[in-house]
Amino acid sequence: FSDSVSMNATATYKKLGEYLLVKYMDFRVKKEKDGQFERTSDGYPVSPKAPGYPEEFYRKIVKSEGSRLMMKEIK
């Protein structure tokens, strides 16, 4: 029993991981409708959303790495 339960749990987590990888790949969010990723009438994926990061995230980067990331003046 425990073997079948662990195999099922592993398969479920693998399926979830694949779904999340596809949905959020490359900092984009694929659109869904009725539990499926949306496609155009030609069968191509609909353009994903590119929400970016919250403003707070950018501020933390600037605070921790700001001086390292500043552009140097060209003379």
C-alpha atoms as a PDB file:
ATOM      1  CA  PHE A   1       0.000   0.000   0.000  1.00  0.00           C
ATOM      2  CA  SER A   2       2.684   2.509   1.004  1.00  0.00           C
ATOM      3  CA  ASP A   3       4.587   1.781  -2.208  1.00  0.00           C
ATOM      4  CA  SER A   4       1.597   2.599  -4.406  1.00  0.00           C
ATOM      5  CA  VAL A   5       0.795   5.736  -2.402  1.00  0.00           C
ATOM      6  CA  SER A   6       4.371   7.001  -2.689  1.00  0.00           C
ATOM      7  CA  MET A   7       4.468   6.234  -6.422  1.00  0.00           C
ATOM      8  CA  ASN A   8       1.196   8.137  -6.913  1.00  0.00           C
ATOM      9  CA  ALA A   9       2.435  11.105  -4.853  1.00  0.00           C
ATOM     10  CA  THR A  10       5.686  11.227  -6.839  1.00  0.00           C
ATOM     11  CA  ALA A  11       3.814  11.104 -10.160  1.00  0.00           C
ATOM     12  CA  THR A  12       1.443  13.856  -8.995  1.00  0.00           C
ATOM     13  CA  TYR A  13       4.304  16.133  -7.926  1.00  0.00           C
ATOM     14  CA  LYS A  14       6.125  15.491 -11.198  1.00  0.00           C
ATOM     15  CA  LYS A  15       3.011  16.443 -13.158  1.00  0.00           C
ATOM     16  CA  LEU A  16       2.628  19.609 -11.037  1.00  0.00           C
ATOM     17  CA  GLY A  17       6.276  20.514 -11.622  1.00  0.00           C
ATOM     18  CA  GLU A  18       5.912  20.122 -15.389  1.00  0.00           C
ATOM     19  CA  TYR A  19       2.757  22.247 -15.375  1.00  0.00           C
ATOM     20  CA  LEU A  20       4.398  25.039 -13.350  1.00  0.00           C
ATOM     21  CA  LEU A  21       7.500  24.981 -15.533  1.00  0.00           C
ATOM     22  CA  VAL A  22       5.435  25.387 -18.701  1.00  0.00           C
ATOM     23  CA  LYS A  23       3.053  27.995 -17.233  1.00  0.00           C
ATOM     24  CA  TYR A  24       5.760  30.282 -15.808  1.00  0.00           C
ATOM     25  CA  MET A  25       8.712  29.655 -18.145  1.00  0.00           C
ATOM     26  CA  ASP A  26      10.963  32.612 -19.029  1.00  0.00           C
ATOM     27  CA  PHE A  27       9.241  35.021 -16.586  1.00  0.00           C
ATOM     28  CA  ARG A  28       6.055  34.854 -18.631  1.00  0.00           C
ATOM     29  CA  VAL A  29       2.637  33.548 -17.585  1.00  0.00           C
ATOM     30  CA  LYS A  30       0.783  31.463 -20.155  1.00  0.00           C
ATOM     31  CA  LYS A  31      -2.934  32.167 -20.365  1.00  0.00           C
ATOM     32  CA  GLU A  32      -5.436  29.426 -19.559  1.00  0.00           C
ATOM     33  CA  LYS A  33      -9.078  28.828 -20.364  1.00  0.00           C
ATOM     34  CA  ASP A  34     -11.153  25.887 -19.125  1.00  0.00           C
ATOM     35  CA  GLY A  35      -8.080  24.171 -17.639  1.00  0.00           C
ATOM     36  CA  GLN A  36      -6.084  24.262 -20.902  1.00  0.00           C
ATOM     37  CA  PHE A  37      -3.438  26.654 -22.160  1.00  0.00           C
ATOM     38  CA  GLU A  38      -5.056  29.018 -24.654  1.00  0.00           C
ATOM     39  CA  ARG A  39      -4.273  28.656 -28.341  1.00  0.00           C
ATOM     40  CA  THR A  40      -5.069  30.750 -31.407  1.00  0.00           C
ATOM     41  CA  SER A  41      -7.392  29.483 -34.112  1.00  0.00           C
ATOM     42  CA  ASP A  42      -4.251  28.319 -35.965  1.00  0.00           C
ATOM     43  CA  GLY A  43      -3.200  26.217 -32.951  1.00  0.00           C
ATOM     44  CA  TYR A  44      -0.346  28.421 -31.772  1.00  0.00           C
ATOM     45  CA  PRO A  45      -0.054  29.446 -28.107  1.00  0.00           C
ATOM     46  CA  VAL A  46      -1.643  32.794 -27.225  1.00  0.00           C
ATOM     47  CA  SER A  47       0.906  35.459 -26.288  1.00  0.00           C
ATOM     48  CA  PRO A  48       1.720  35.114 -22.579  1.00  0.00           C
ATOM     49  CA  LYS A  49       1.514  37.897 -20.010  1.00  0.00           C
ATOM     50  CA  ALA A  50       4.766  39.462 -18.837  1.00  0.00           C
ATOM     51  CA  PRO A  51       3.846  40.846 -15.419  1.00  0.00           C
ATOM     52  CA  GLY A  52       7.369  41.693 -14.266  1.00  0.00           C
ATOM     53  CA  TYR A  53       8.323  41.925 -10.620  1.00  0.00           C
ATOM     54  CA  PRO A  54       6.777  43.975  -7.812  1.00  0.00           C
ATOM     55  CA  GLU A  55       8.338  47.398  -7.196  1.00  0.00           C
ATOM     56  CA  GLU A  56       9.559  46.199  -3.785  1.00  0.00           C
ATOM     57  CA  PHE A  57      11.718  43.532  -5.473  1.00  0.00           C
ATOM     58  CA  TYR A  58      13.493  46.123  -7.638  1.00  0.00           C
ATOM     59  CA  ARG A  59      14.076  48.354  -4.609  1.00  0.00           C
ATOM     60  CA  LYS A  60      15.705  45.467  -2.709  1.00  0.00           C
ATOM     61  CA  ILE A  61      18.060  44.825  -5.636  1.00  0.00           C
ATOM     62  CA  VAL A  62      19.042  48.482  -5.807  1.00  0.00           C
ATOM     63  CA  LYS A  63      19.574  48.587  -2.042  1.00  0.00           C
ATOM     64  CA  SER A  64      21.770  45.475  -1.968  1.00  0.00           C
ATOM     65  CA  GLU A  65      23.583  45.747  -5.327  1.00  0.00           C
ATOM     66  CA  GLY A  66      22.926  49.283  -6.541  1.00  0.00           C
ATOM     67  CA  SER A  67      26.499  50.568  -6.590  1.00  0.00           C
ATOM     68  CA  ARG A  68      27.717  47.432  -8.364  1.00  0.00           C
ATOM     69  CA  LEU A  69      25.041  47.737 -11.053  1.00  0.00           C
ATOM     70  CA  MET A  70      25.452  51.470 -11.770  1.00  0.00           C
ATOM     71  CA  MET A  71      26.571  52.390 -15.261  1.00  0.00           C
ATOM     72  CA  LYS A  72      30.024  53.877 -15.333  1.00  0.00           C
ATOM     73  CA  GLU A  73      30.540  57.230 -16.924  1.00  0.00           C
ATOM     74  CA  ILE A  74      32.283  57.070 -20.288  1.00  0.00           C
ATOM     75  CA  LYS A  75      34.994  59.680 -20.758  1.00  0.00           C
END
